[in-house]
Protein backbone atom coordinates (compact mmCIF):
# COMPACT_ATOMS: atom_id res chain seq x y z
CA LYS A 1 0.00 0.00 0.00
CA MET A 2 2.81 2.41 0.79
CA ARG A 3 4.41 1.94 -2.64
CA VAL A 4 1.11 2.61 -4.37
CA ALA A 5 0.58 5.74 -2.27
CA GLY A 6 4.13 6.87 -3.05
CA ARG A 7 3.59 6.38 -6.78
CA LEU A 8 0.36 8.35 -6.68
CA ALA A 9 2.03 11.16 -4.73
CA ALA A 10 4.85 11.27 -7.29
CA ARG A 11 2.34 11.53 -10.13
CA VAL A 12 0.58 14.42 -8.40
CA LEU A 13 3.88 16.26 -7.88
CA GLU A 14 4.84 15.76 -11.53
CA MET A 15 1.44 16.98 -12.68
CA ILE A 16 1.36 20.10 -10.50
CA GLU A 17 4.94 21.28 -11.13
CA PRO A 18 4.18 23.38 -14.24
CA HIS A 19 1.34 25.12 -12.35
CA VAL A 20 3.56 26.29 -9.48
CA GLN A 21 4.36 29.79 -10.63
CA PRO A 22 4.30 33.31 -9.21
CA GLY A 23 0.75 34.56 -8.99
CA VAL A 24 -0.89 31.13 -8.75
CA THR A 25 -2.61 30.85 -5.38
CA THR A 26 -2.33 27.85 -3.10
CA ASP A 27 -6.12 27.57 -3.37
CA ALA A 28 -5.83 27.22 -7.16
CA LEU A 29 -3.13 24.56 -6.72
CA ASP A 30 -5.39 22.73 -4.30
CA ARG A 31 -8.26 22.70 -6.81
CA ILE A 32 -6.00 21.44 -9.60
CA CYS A 33 -4.60 18.68 -7.39
CA HIS A 34 -8.01 17.73 -6.03
CA ASP A 35 -9.49 17.38 -9.50
CA TYR A 36 -6.51 15.29 -10.62
CA ILE A 37 -6.46 13.04 -7.56
CA VAL A 38 -10.19 12.39 -7.56
CA GLY A 39 -10.90 12.53 -11.28
CA GLU A 40 -7.80 11.07 -12.90
CA LEU A 41 -6.27 8.87 -10.22
CA ASP A 42 -9.58 7.74 -8.71
CA ALA A 43 -8.13 8.27 -5.25
CA ILE A 44 -9.01 10.18 -2.09
CA PRO A 45 -6.74 13.04 -0.96
CA ALA A 46 -5.31 12.01 2.43
CA PRO A 47 -5.39 15.49 4.06
CA LEU A 48 -8.99 16.23 3.05
CA ASN A 49 -11.20 16.39 6.17
CA TYR A 50 -8.43 14.97 8.38
CA ASN A 51 -9.24 16.50 11.76
CA GLY A 52 -11.35 19.03 9.90
CA PHE A 53 -8.65 20.05 7.40
CA PRO A 54 -10.56 21.64 4.50
CA LYS A 55 -8.15 21.08 1.59
CA SER A 56 -6.76 18.24 -0.51
CA ILE A 57 -3.14 19.39 -0.21
CA CYS A 58 -1.15 21.16 2.48
CA THR A 59 0.92 24.01 1.05
CA SER A 60 2.92 26.88 2.45
CA VAL A 61 5.11 29.58 0.98
């Protein structure tokens, strides 16, 4: 299970890299990742609703 999760995480990071640019908000990145994780990978974002966490990714700048 850990290898599968690691592969999925790697795919998400590869997908989102071109979107990480000045001016793109962390909220926009979250939406892009959420749509990819749920729609393309048919997975559930681990952070989403964990102890009330409202987003699919955890980002900081």
